[in-house]
Each structure stands twice: as C-alpha cells, then as structure tokens.
C-alpha atoms as a PDB file:
ATOM      1  CA  MET A   1       3.171  -8.644 -13.032  1.00  0.00           C
ATOM      2  CA  GLU A   2      -0.449  -9.776 -12.927  1.00  0.00           C
ATOM      3  CA  ARG A   3      -2.753  -7.596 -15.014  1.00  0.00           C
ATOM      4  CA  LEU A   4      -6.414  -7.144 -14.071  1.00  0.00           C
ATOM      5  CA  GLU A   5      -8.906  -5.851 -16.596  1.00  0.00           C
ATOM      6  CA  ARG A   6     -11.067  -2.926 -15.491  1.00  0.00           C
ATOM      7  CA  LYS A   7     -14.204  -5.003 -16.044  1.00  0.00           C
ATOM      8  CA  SER A   8     -13.072  -7.447 -13.313  1.00  0.00           C
ATOM      9  CA  GLN A   9     -15.588  -7.693 -10.497  1.00  0.00           C
ATOM     10  CA  PRO A  10     -16.132  -9.999  -7.548  1.00  0.00           C
ATOM     11  CA  SER A  11     -19.048 -12.388  -7.918  1.00  0.00           C
ATOM     12  CA  LEU A  12     -22.539 -10.956  -7.576  1.00  0.00           C
ATOM     13  CA  ALA A  13     -23.127 -13.088  -4.476  1.00  0.00           C
ATOM     14  CA  ALA A  14     -19.955 -11.749  -2.821  1.00  0.00           C
ATOM     15  CA  ARG A  15     -20.873  -8.158  -3.677  1.00  0.00           C
ATOM     16  CA  ASP A  16     -24.382  -8.601  -2.274  1.00  0.00           C
ATOM     17  CA  LEU A  17     -23.012 -10.154   0.931  1.00  0.00           C
ATOM     18  CA  LEU A  18     -20.524  -7.327   1.394  1.00  0.00           C
ATOM     19  CA  HIS A  19     -23.178  -4.683   0.748  1.00  0.00           C
ATOM     20  CA  ALA A  20     -25.485  -6.296   3.299  1.00  0.00           C
ATOM     21  CA  ARG A  21     -22.758  -6.601   5.935  1.00  0.00           C
ATOM     22  CA  LEU A  22     -21.732  -2.973   5.486  1.00  0.00           C
ATOM     23  CA  GLU A  23     -25.306  -1.730   5.627  1.00  0.00           C
ATOM     24  CA  ALA A  24     -25.848  -3.666   8.857  1.00  0.00           C
ATOM     25  CA  VAL A  25     -22.764  -2.097  10.450  1.00  0.00           C
ATOM     26  CA  PHE A  26     -23.569   1.398   9.140  1.00  0.00           C
ATOM     27  CA  SER A  27     -27.130   1.165  10.473  1.00  0.00           C
ATOM     28  CA  GLU A  28     -25.714   0.587  13.961  1.00  0.00           C
ATOM     29  CA  SER A  29     -23.210   3.451  13.774  1.00  0.00           C
ATOM     30  CA  THR A  30     -21.490   5.646  11.214  1.00  0.00           C
ATOM     31  CA  ASP A  31     -19.048   6.934  13.828  1.00  0.00           C
ATOM     32  CA  GLY A  32     -16.000   5.197  12.426  1.00  0.00           C
ATOM     33  CA  VAL A  33     -13.857   4.730   9.340  1.00  0.00           C
ATOM     34  CA  LEU A  34     -13.150   2.291   6.534  1.00  0.00           C
ATOM     35  CA  ALA A  35      -9.552   1.159   6.024  1.00  0.00           C
ATOM     36  CA  PHE A  36      -8.152  -0.207   2.768  1.00  0.00           C
ATOM     37  CA  ASP A  37      -4.817  -1.788   2.065  1.00  0.00           C
ATOM     38  CA  ALA A  38      -3.542  -0.550  -1.308  1.00  0.00           C
ATOM     39  CA  ASP A  39      -1.400  -2.969  -3.341  1.00  0.00           C
ATOM     40  CA  GLY A  40      -3.222  -6.157  -4.269  1.00  0.00           C
ATOM     41  CA  THR A  41      -6.428  -4.764  -2.758  1.00  0.00           C
ATOM     42  CA  LEU A  42      -7.462  -1.578  -4.550  1.00  0.00           C
ATOM     43  CA  TRP A  43      -5.516  -2.644  -7.644  1.00  0.00           C
ATOM     44  CA  SER A  44      -3.499  -5.601  -8.836  1.00  0.00           C
ATOM     45  CA  GLY A  45       0.260  -5.393  -8.541  1.00  0.00           C
ATOM     46  CA  ASP A  46       2.375  -3.105  -6.364  1.00  0.00           C
ATOM     47  CA  VAL A  47       2.626   0.595  -7.208  1.00  0.00           C
ATOM     48  CA  GLY A  48       5.726   1.061  -5.044  1.00  0.00           C
ATOM     49  CA  GLU A  49       7.492  -1.598  -7.102  1.00  0.00           C
ATOM     50  CA  ASP A  50       6.209  -0.130 -10.385  1.00  0.00           C
ATOM     51  CA  VAL A  51       7.752   3.237  -9.550  1.00  0.00           C
ATOM     52  CA  PHE A  52      10.949   1.713  -8.142  1.00  0.00           C
ATOM     53  CA  HIS A  53      11.618  -0.525 -11.145  1.00  0.00           C
ATOM     54  CA  LEU A  54      11.198   2.332 -13.598  1.00  0.00           C
ATOM     55  CA  ALA A  55      13.644   4.392 -11.534  1.00  0.00           C
ATOM     56  CA  VAL A  56      16.354   1.730 -11.327  1.00  0.00           C
ATOM     57  CA  LYS A  57      15.915   0.713 -14.967  1.00  0.00           C
ATOM     58  CA  SER A  58      16.410   4.354 -15.953  1.00  0.00           C
ATOM     59  CA  GLU A  59      19.374   4.778 -13.519  1.00  0.00           C
ATOM     60  CA  LEU A  60      17.546   7.583 -11.707  1.00  0.00           C
ATOM     61  CA  ILE A  61      18.575   6.787  -8.114  1.00  0.00           C
ATOM     62  CA  LEU A  62      20.923   9.588  -7.069  1.00  0.00           C
ATOM     63  CA  GLU A  63      24.247   9.685  -5.258  1.00  0.00           C
ATOM     64  CA  HIS A  64      22.425  11.078  -2.221  1.00  0.00           C
ATOM     65  CA  ALA A  65      21.236   7.509  -1.506  1.00  0.00           C
ATOM     66  CA  ARG A  66      24.530   5.729  -2.134  1.00  0.00           C
ATOM     67  CA  ASP A  67      25.972   5.675   1.392  1.00  0.00           C
ATOM     68  CA  GLU A  68      22.838   4.257   3.005  1.00  0.00           C
ATOM     69  CA  LEU A  69      22.254   1.774   0.192  1.00  0.00           C
ATOM     70  CA  GLY A  70      25.869   0.641   0.418  1.00  0.00           C
ATOM     71  CA  ARG A  71      25.753   0.324   4.191  1.00  0.00           C
ATOM     72  CA  ILE A  72      22.705  -1.924   4.030  1.00  0.00           C
ATOM     73  CA  ALA A  73      24.150  -3.979   1.169  1.00  0.00           C
ATOM     74  CA  GLU A  74      27.283  -4.675   3.200  1.00  0.00           C
ATOM     75  CA  GLN A  75      25.170  -5.497   6.279  1.00  0.00           C
ATOM     76  CA  TYR A  76      23.591  -8.307   4.247  1.00  0.00           C
ATOM     77  CA  ARG A  77      26.926  -9.368   2.736  1.00  0.00           C
ATOM     78  CA  LEU A  78      26.019  -7.971  -0.672  1.00  0.00           C
ATOM     79  CA  SER A  79      28.260  -5.999  -2.983  1.00  0.00           C
ATOM     80  CA  SER A  80      28.072  -2.220  -2.651  1.00  0.00           C
ATOM     81  CA  ALA A  81      29.743  -1.726  -6.037  1.00  0.00           C
ATOM     82  CA  GLY A  82      28.081  -0.060  -8.990  1.00  0.00           C
ATOM     83  CA  SER A  83      25.680   2.806  -9.358  1.00  0.00           C
ATOM     84  CA  PRO A  84      23.107   3.662  -6.681  1.00  0.00           C
ATOM     85  CA  SER A  85      20.423   2.193  -8.945  1.00  0.00           C
ATOM     86  CA  GLN A  86      22.370  -1.068  -9.227  1.00  0.00           C
ATOM     87  CA  ILE A  87      22.797  -1.311  -5.446  1.00  0.00           C
ATOM     88  CA  ALA A  88      19.102  -0.603  -4.897  1.00  0.00           C
ATOM     89  CA  LEU A  89      18.128  -3.319  -7.363  1.00  0.00           C
ATOM     90  CA  ARG A  90      20.569  -5.717  -5.664  1.00  0.00           C
ATOM     91  CA  LEU A  91      18.761  -5.117  -2.378  1.00  0.00           C
ATOM     92  CA  PHE A  92      15.390  -5.717  -4.017  1.00  0.00           C
ATOM     93  CA  ASP A  93      16.666  -8.984  -5.495  1.00  0.00           C
ATOM     94  CA  ALA A  94      17.884  -9.955  -2.002  1.00  0.00           C
ATOM     95  CA  TYR A  95      14.340  -9.385  -0.769  1.00  0.00           C
ATOM     96  CA  LEU A  96      13.006 -11.711  -3.487  1.00  0.00           C
ATOM     97  CA  SER A  97      15.560 -14.298  -2.364  1.00  0.00           C
ATOM     98  CA  GLY A  98      14.403 -14.059   1.244  1.00  0.00           C
ATOM     99  CA  ILE A  99      17.587 -12.364   2.469  1.00  0.00           C
ATOM    100  CA  TYR A 100      16.377  -8.792   2.936  1.00  0.00           C
ATOM    101  CA  PRO A 101      13.171  -8.441   5.029  1.00  0.00           C
ATOM    102  CA  GLU A 102       9.977  -7.203   3.377  1.00  0.00           C
ATOM    103  CA  ARG A 103       9.448  -4.392   5.891  1.00  0.00           C
ATOM    104  CA  ASP A 104      12.972  -3.133   5.154  1.00  0.00           C
ATOM    105  CA  VAL A 105      12.606  -3.274   1.382  1.00  0.00           C
ATOM    106  CA  CYS A 106       9.415  -1.192   1.743  1.00  0.00           C
ATOM    107  CA  SER A 107      11.452   1.334   3.706  1.00  0.00           C
ATOM    108  CA  MET A 108      14.241   1.347   1.121  1.00  0.00           C
ATOM    109  CA  MET A 109      11.783   1.893  -1.734  1.00  0.00           C
ATOM    110  CA  SER A 110      10.631   5.077   0.007  1.00  0.00           C
ATOM    111  CA  TRP A 111      13.918   6.770   0.941  1.00  0.00           C
ATOM    112  CA  CYS A 112      15.977   5.556  -2.066  1.00  0.00           C
ATOM    113  CA  TYR A 113      14.732   8.667  -3.907  1.00  0.00           C
ATOM    114  CA  ALA A 114      16.978  10.812  -1.700  1.00  0.00           C
ATOM    115  CA  GLY A 115      17.819  14.042  -3.479  1.00  0.00           C
ATOM    116  CA  TRP A 116      14.540  14.071  -5.394  1.00  0.00           C
ATOM    117  CA  SER A 117      11.820  16.551  -4.559  1.00  0.00           C
ATOM    118  CA  LEU A 118       8.388  15.200  -3.665  1.00  0.00           C
ATOM    119  CA  ASP A 119       7.131  16.714  -6.909  1.00  0.00           C
ATOM    120  CA  ASP A 120       9.852  14.832  -8.819  1.00  0.00           C
ATOM    121  CA  LEU A 121       8.568  11.597  -7.294  1.00  0.00           C
ATOM    122  CA  ARG A 122       4.954  12.521  -8.025  1.00  0.00           C
ATOM    123  CA  HIS A 123       5.667  13.139 -11.719  1.00  0.00           C
ATOM    124  CA  HIS A 124       7.759   9.971 -11.946  1.00  0.00           C
ATOM    125  CA  ALA A 125       4.902   7.966 -10.381  1.00  0.00           C
ATOM    126  CA  ARG A 126       2.472   9.277 -12.976  1.00  0.00           C
ATOM    127  CA  ARG A 127       4.837   8.144 -15.726  1.00  0.00           C
ATOM    128  CA  ALA A 128       5.194   4.704 -14.145  1.00  0.00           C
ATOM    129  CA  PHE A 129       1.422   4.334 -13.783  1.00  0.00           C
ATOM    130  CA  ALA A 130       0.916   5.247 -17.444  1.00  0.00           C
ATOM    131  CA  GLU A 131       3.495   2.652 -18.502  1.00  0.00           C
ATOM    132  CA  THR A 132       2.041  -0.079 -16.272  1.00  0.00           C
ATOM    133  CA  HIS A 133      -1.604   0.773 -17.053  1.00  0.00           C
ATOM    134  CA  LEU A 134      -2.669   1.288 -13.442  1.00  0.00           C
ATOM    135  CA  ALA A 135      -6.089   2.571 -14.512  1.00  0.00           C
ATOM    136  CA  GLY A 136      -6.733  -0.843 -16.056  1.00  0.00           C
ATOM    137  CA  ARG A 137      -5.719  -2.712 -12.902  1.00  0.00           C
ATOM    138  CA  LEU A 138      -8.263  -1.241 -10.501  1.00  0.00           C
ATOM    139  CA  PHE A 139     -10.508  -3.700  -8.663  1.00  0.00           C
ATOM    140  CA  LEU A 140     -13.864  -2.257  -9.587  1.00  0.00           C
ATOM    141  CA  GLY A 141     -15.709  -4.168  -6.905  1.00  0.00           C
ATOM    142  CA  PHE A 142     -14.973  -1.234  -4.606  1.00  0.00           C
ATOM    143  CA  GLU A 143     -16.846   1.430  -6.556  1.00  0.00           C
ATOM    144  CA  SER A 144     -20.044   0.643  -4.677  1.00  0.00           C
ATOM    145  CA  VAL A 145     -18.210   0.455  -1.328  1.00  0.00           C
ATOM    146  CA  PHE A 146     -16.770   3.947  -1.691  1.00  0.00           C
ATOM    147  CA  GLU A 147     -20.207   5.179  -2.762  1.00  0.00           C
ATOM    148  CA  GLN A 148     -21.853   3.594   0.306  1.00  0.00           C
ATOM    149  CA  ALA A 149     -19.312   5.278   2.576  1.00  0.00           C
ATOM    150  CA  ARG A 150     -19.649   8.693   0.934  1.00  0.00           C
ATOM    151  CA  LYS A 151     -23.432   8.635   1.168  1.00  0.00           C
ATOM    152  CA  ARG A 152     -23.122   7.986   4.898  1.00  0.00           C
ATOM    153  CA  GLY A 153     -20.375  10.536   5.449  1.00  0.00           C
ATOM    154  CA  ILE A 154     -17.901   7.823   6.486  1.00  0.00           C
ATOM    155  CA  ARG A 155     -14.216   8.551   5.989  1.00  0.00           C
ATOM    156  CA  ALA A 156     -12.303   5.976   3.899  1.00  0.00           C
ATOM    157  CA  LEU A 157      -8.540   5.755   4.462  1.00  0.00           C
ATOM    158  CA  VAL A 158      -5.796   3.831   2.688  1.00  0.00           C
ATOM    159  CA  VAL A 159      -3.057   2.238   4.808  1.00  0.00           C
ATOM    160  CA  SER A 160      -0.037   1.043   2.836  1.00  0.00           C
ATOM    161  CA  ALA A 161       3.648   0.206   3.161  1.00  0.00           C
ATOM    162  CA  SER A 162       4.329   1.768  -0.257  1.00  0.00           C
ATOM    163  CA  PRO A 163       5.691   5.340  -0.470  1.00  0.00           C
ATOM    164  CA  GLN A 164       3.318   8.093   0.637  1.00  0.00           C
ATOM    165  CA  THR A 165       3.542  10.222  -2.512  1.00  0.00           C
ATOM    166  CA  VAL A 166       3.205   7.176  -4.747  1.00  0.00           C
ATOM    167  CA  VAL A 167       0.089   5.932  -2.936  1.00  0.00           C
ATOM    168  CA  GLU A 168      -1.415   9.422  -2.969  1.00  0.00           C
ATOM    169  CA  GLU A 169      -1.141   9.453  -6.767  1.00  0.00           C
ATOM    170  CA  ALA A 170      -2.490   5.920  -7.169  1.00  0.00           C
ATOM    171  CA  ALA A 171      -5.380   6.292  -4.701  1.00  0.00           C
ATOM    172  CA  ALA A 172      -6.533   9.442  -6.471  1.00  0.00           C
ATOM    173  CA  HIS A 173      -8.050   7.024  -9.001  1.00  0.00           C
ATOM    174  CA  TRP A 174     -10.534   6.193  -6.232  1.00  0.00           C
ATOM    175  CA  GLY A 175     -11.085   9.800  -5.194  1.00  0.00           C
ATOM    176  CA  VAL A 176      -9.176   9.302  -1.931  1.00  0.00           C
ATOM    177  CA  ARG A 177      -7.659  12.559  -0.650  1.00  0.00           C
ATOM    178  CA  PRO A 178      -3.948  12.823   0.268  1.00  0.00           C
ATOM    179  CA  GLU A 179      -4.894  13.497   3.910  1.00  0.00           C
ATOM    180  CA  ASP A 180      -6.613  10.097   3.962  1.00  0.00           C
ATOM    181  CA  ILE A 181      -3.453   8.206   2.976  1.00  0.00           C
ATOM    182  CA  ILE A 182      -1.280   6.552   5.633  1.00  0.00           C
ATOM    183  CA  ALA A 183       1.811   5.211   3.898  1.00  0.00           C
ATOM    184  CA  CYS A 184       5.597   4.986   4.145  1.00  0.00           C
ATOM    185  CA  ARG A 185       6.987   8.496   4.657  1.00  0.00           C
ATOM    186  CA  PRO A 186      10.606   9.328   3.929  1.00  0.00           C
ATOM    187  CA  ALA A 187      12.252  12.050   5.963  1.00  0.00           C
ATOM    188  CA  THR A 188      12.491  15.338   4.086  1.00  0.00           C
ATOM    189  CA  GLU A 189      14.390  18.587   4.299  1.00  0.00           C
ATOM    190  CA  GLY A 190      12.160  21.223   2.790  1.00  0.00           C
ATOM    191  CA  ASP A 191      10.727  19.393  -0.214  1.00  0.00           C
ATOM    192  CA  ARG A 192      13.799  17.157  -0.679  1.00  0.00           C
ATOM    193  CA  ILE A 193      13.767  13.482   0.245  1.00  0.00           C
ATOM    194  CA  LEU A 194      16.431  12.269   2.675  1.00  0.00           C
ATOM    195  CA  PRO A 195      17.804   8.697   2.927  1.00  0.00           C
ATOM    196  CA  ALA A 196      15.822   7.903   6.068  1.00  0.00           C
ATOM    197  CA  LEU A 197      12.232   7.461   7.242  1.00  0.00           C
ATOM    198  CA  ALA A 198      10.092  10.037   9.035  1.00  0.00           C
ATOM    199  CA  ALA A 199       7.925   7.379  10.742  1.00  0.00           C
ATOM    200  CA  PRO A 200       7.687   3.590  11.062  1.00  0.00           C
ATOM    201  CA  VAL A 201       6.625   1.630   7.983  1.00  0.00           C
ATOM    202  CA  PRO A 202       2.845   0.946   8.124  1.00  0.00           C
ATOM    203  CA  TYR A 203       3.347  -2.806   7.981  1.00  0.00           C
ATOM    204  CA  ALA A 204       1.663  -5.672   9.856  1.00  0.00           C
ATOM    205  CA  ALA A 205       0.773  -4.562  13.425  1.00  0.00           C
ATOM    206  CA  GLU A 206       1.874  -1.005  12.644  1.00  0.00           C
ATOM    207  CA  LYS A 207      -1.049  -0.674  10.196  1.00  0.00           C
ATOM    208  CA  PRO A 208      -3.856  -0.529  12.789  1.00  0.00           C
ATOM    209  CA  ALA A 209      -1.584   1.425  15.149  1.00  0.00           C
ATOM    210  CA  ALA A 210      -0.918   4.098  12.509  1.00  0.00           C
ATOM    211  CA  LEU A 211      -4.594   4.154  11.594  1.00  0.00           C
ATOM    212  CA  SER A 212      -5.591   4.686  15.225  1.00  0.00           C
ATOM    213  CA  ARG A 213      -3.122   7.580  15.594  1.00  0.00           C
ATOM    214  CA  ALA A 214      -4.392   9.208  12.408  1.00  0.00           C
ATOM    215  CA  THR A 215      -8.073   8.958  13.352  1.00  0.00           C
ATOM    216  CA  GLY A 216      -7.887   9.604  17.078  1.00  0.00           C
ATOM    217  CA  GLY A 217      -8.806   6.004  17.840  1.00  0.00           C
ATOM    218  CA  ARG A 218     -12.017   5.962  15.786  1.00  0.00           C
ATOM    219  CA  ALA A 219     -13.681   2.583  15.346  1.00  0.00           C
ATOM    220  CA  VAL A 220     -12.802   0.647  12.186  1.00  0.00           C
ATOM    221  CA  LEU A 221     -16.157  -0.269  10.676  1.00  0.00           C
ATOM    222  CA  ALA A 222     -14.625  -2.378   7.890  1.00  0.00           C
ATOM    223  CA  SER A 223     -11.137  -3.114   6.625  1.00  0.00           C
ATOM    224  CA  PHE A 224      -9.906  -4.634   3.386  1.00  0.00           C
ATOM    225  CA  GLY A 225      -6.655  -6.481   2.660  1.00  0.00           C
ATOM    226  CA  ASP A 226      -5.119  -9.217   0.552  1.00  0.00           C
ATOM    227  CA  ASN A 227      -1.971 -10.334   2.357  1.00  0.00           C
ATOM    228  CA  VAL A 228      -1.027 -11.986   5.624  1.00  0.00           C
ATOM    229  CA  PHE A 229       0.579  -8.766   6.868  1.00  0.00           C
ATOM    230  CA  ASP A 230      -2.872  -7.163   6.623  1.00  0.00           C
ATOM    231  CA  ILE A 231      -4.328  -9.569   9.178  1.00  0.00           C
ATOM    232  CA  GLU A 232      -3.902  -7.185  12.132  1.00  0.00           C
ATOM    233  CA  LEU A 233      -5.727  -4.482  10.173  1.00  0.00           C
ATOM    234  CA  LEU A 234      -8.495  -6.952   9.322  1.00  0.00           C
ATOM    235  CA  ARG A 235      -8.799  -8.086  12.951  1.00  0.00           C
ATOM    236  CA  ALA A 236      -9.271  -4.472  14.054  1.00  0.00           C
ATOM    237  CA  ALA A 237     -12.504  -4.073  12.048  1.00  0.00           C
ATOM    238  CA  ARG A 238     -16.111  -4.990  12.677  1.00  0.00           C
ATOM    239  CA  VAL A 239     -16.241  -6.365   9.119  1.00  0.00           C
ATOM    240  CA  ALA A 240     -13.081  -7.966   7.730  1.00  0.00           C
ATOM    241  CA  VAL A 241     -12.866  -8.282   3.941  1.00  0.00           C
ATOM    242  CA  ALA A 242     -10.203 -10.496   2.349  1.00  0.00           C
ATOM    243  CA  VAL A 243      -9.646  -9.399  -1.240  1.00  0.00           C
ATOM    244  CA  ARG A 244      -8.372 -12.120  -3.568  1.00  0.00           C
ATOM    245  CA  PRO A 245      -6.403 -13.376  -0.556  1.00  0.00           C
ATOM    246  CA  LYS A 246      -2.846 -14.524  -1.128  1.00  0.00           C
ATOM    247  CA  PRO A 247      -1.898 -17.966   0.246  1.00  0.00           C
ATOM    248  CA  GLY A 248      -0.564 -16.675   3.571  1.00  0.00           C
ATOM    249  CA  LEU A 249      -3.773 -14.828   4.375  1.00  0.00           C
ATOM    250  CA  ARG A 250      -6.006 -17.563   2.968  1.00  0.00           C
ATOM    251  CA  ALA A 251      -4.389 -20.052   5.358  1.00  0.00           C
ATOM    252  CA  ARG A 252      -5.410 -17.850   8.322  1.00  0.00           C
ATOM    253  CA  LEU A 253      -8.942 -16.839   7.353  1.00  0.00           C
ATOM    254  CA  ALA A 254     -10.304 -18.939  10.228  1.00  0.00           C
ATOM    255  CA  GLU A 255      -8.794 -16.329  12.568  1.00  0.00           C
ATOM    256  CA  LEU A 256     -11.254 -13.767  11.157  1.00  0.00           C
ATOM    257  CA  PRO A 257     -14.786 -14.775  12.220  1.00  0.00           C
ATOM    258  CA  GLY A 258     -17.388 -13.711   9.668  1.00  0.00           C
ATOM    259  CA  VAL A 259     -14.776 -12.633   7.119  1.00  0.00           C
ATOM    260  CA  VAL A 260     -16.124 -11.711   3.687  1.00  0.00           C
ATOM    261  CA  VAL A 261     -13.980 -13.058   0.849  1.00  0.00           C
ATOM    262  CA  LEU A 262     -13.925 -11.272  -2.505  1.00  0.00           C
ATOM    263  CA  GLU A 263     -12.302 -13.340  -5.248  1.00  0.00           C
END
C-alpha cells in the first residue's frame, strides 16, 4: 500500500489556483456544499480495505456471513470451502483478478461483518487505522479547503463506497461529522450488522445521486476525487478537483472543463 507522509502537499501553484477558484465560486454563492471522495483523495490507500484485511487476517468474519459469501463465491465459480474469512478473501482476490466487480466487492466489504455490532466495527477500524498509520497518510493540501468552507458556513460532505462506520472514523481526522458522511451502509437489526445492504453503494453515478438526496438537491460548489468512478461526482460540481488522479481519471480529464489537478 502506498504511504504518504503527513508533510505531503500539492504544489504551491496548484494550491493557489484552487484557493482562487473556490473563492470565486464562494463569492457568487455559498448556498451549496463541497463533496469529497474519501479513499485516494482525503488520504492515500483505502480504509475499507485496511479494515477488511485486518479482519480476514485475524479470522474475524463470523458465521453469520457464511451463507451469503458462499452463494456469491459459487455464482462466480469460486470455492465456498473454508472459513468465512477465507471465502471473503477469495472474493477480494477475484476482484483483483477482474472477476468480481468493484461495486460488488465494496458491498461485500460492508456487510461481511454480519453479526458484529456497529461499535465492534468502529473499534476494529480504530485498530486498523493505528496499524496502517492513517494519520500519516492524510493529504494535507485540504486543510485550507476545509478552513475556507467553515469560515463561509459551507457544509463539506464525504461520499464514499467504503463502509459507513469505517469512513466516519477515518473522516473524523478532518473534523467531518458522521451526519456528513454518505457511504456504504449495511442493513442492521438493532445495532447488529446483517449480510445485506440498506441502500445502494455510493459508486460512480450513484455518488451524485446519493449526495443530492442527502442535501435536498443543493448545488455542489466543488467536488474532489481521484478515480474514474468519481467522474460523475466531479461533473456535478462548479469546480472539479482531480486529486493525484489515477490513470483512468487522468485519461478523461478533458471531459471536465476547467478542472483543477492536485498532484
């Protein structure tokens, strides 16, 4: 996993350009929101994967998830033998091999904690973040952006395909409140996670759709993303910001007129 030192910053020229573009938009109207992707944007790496890999390595996936994990494994002609953690890891490896779709692996990495309480997942996430040094992987170029938004009273939301509870814990490093997180929500019974989703995965075109539902259709003043499946979220904003764009997004930057690129 790529590690990013806390001192990492975009270039001064890129920061100045972003500041100027945001100030221009904010001077026209503050009646809107900012929207951030999470993994690869606010920090390097993927917090959903950090938490998942610690769980499967420690054999912490419970029997509650076995039937659904096994059903999906067999659907993709994979073995459903072994422990629930082994089946879950087999599905993740199938995703890396291009067999299991990315949207579906994001879903699986949310409901695979079936039988856990949300507090169990929260404490496990904190342990994973300590082991993977999340605090040292934050992209500090956004400190000034959050400060600009707060001074203007502009709400900043995070829209992610990683698990809701996991993103809540990670985004707290930026002072983002749980109610401002839109992420992958497993179904629950009381406080217990079930092996199913409560809502569609906020992925690709579902990102701006979920954001619009959560904000009552408020304008997106600026959005920030790193991957090609963030492009719909970037298109929805008055200022699109590509953050260390991965090859898929970089190849389509021409579709985003006036995009600001932070390397």
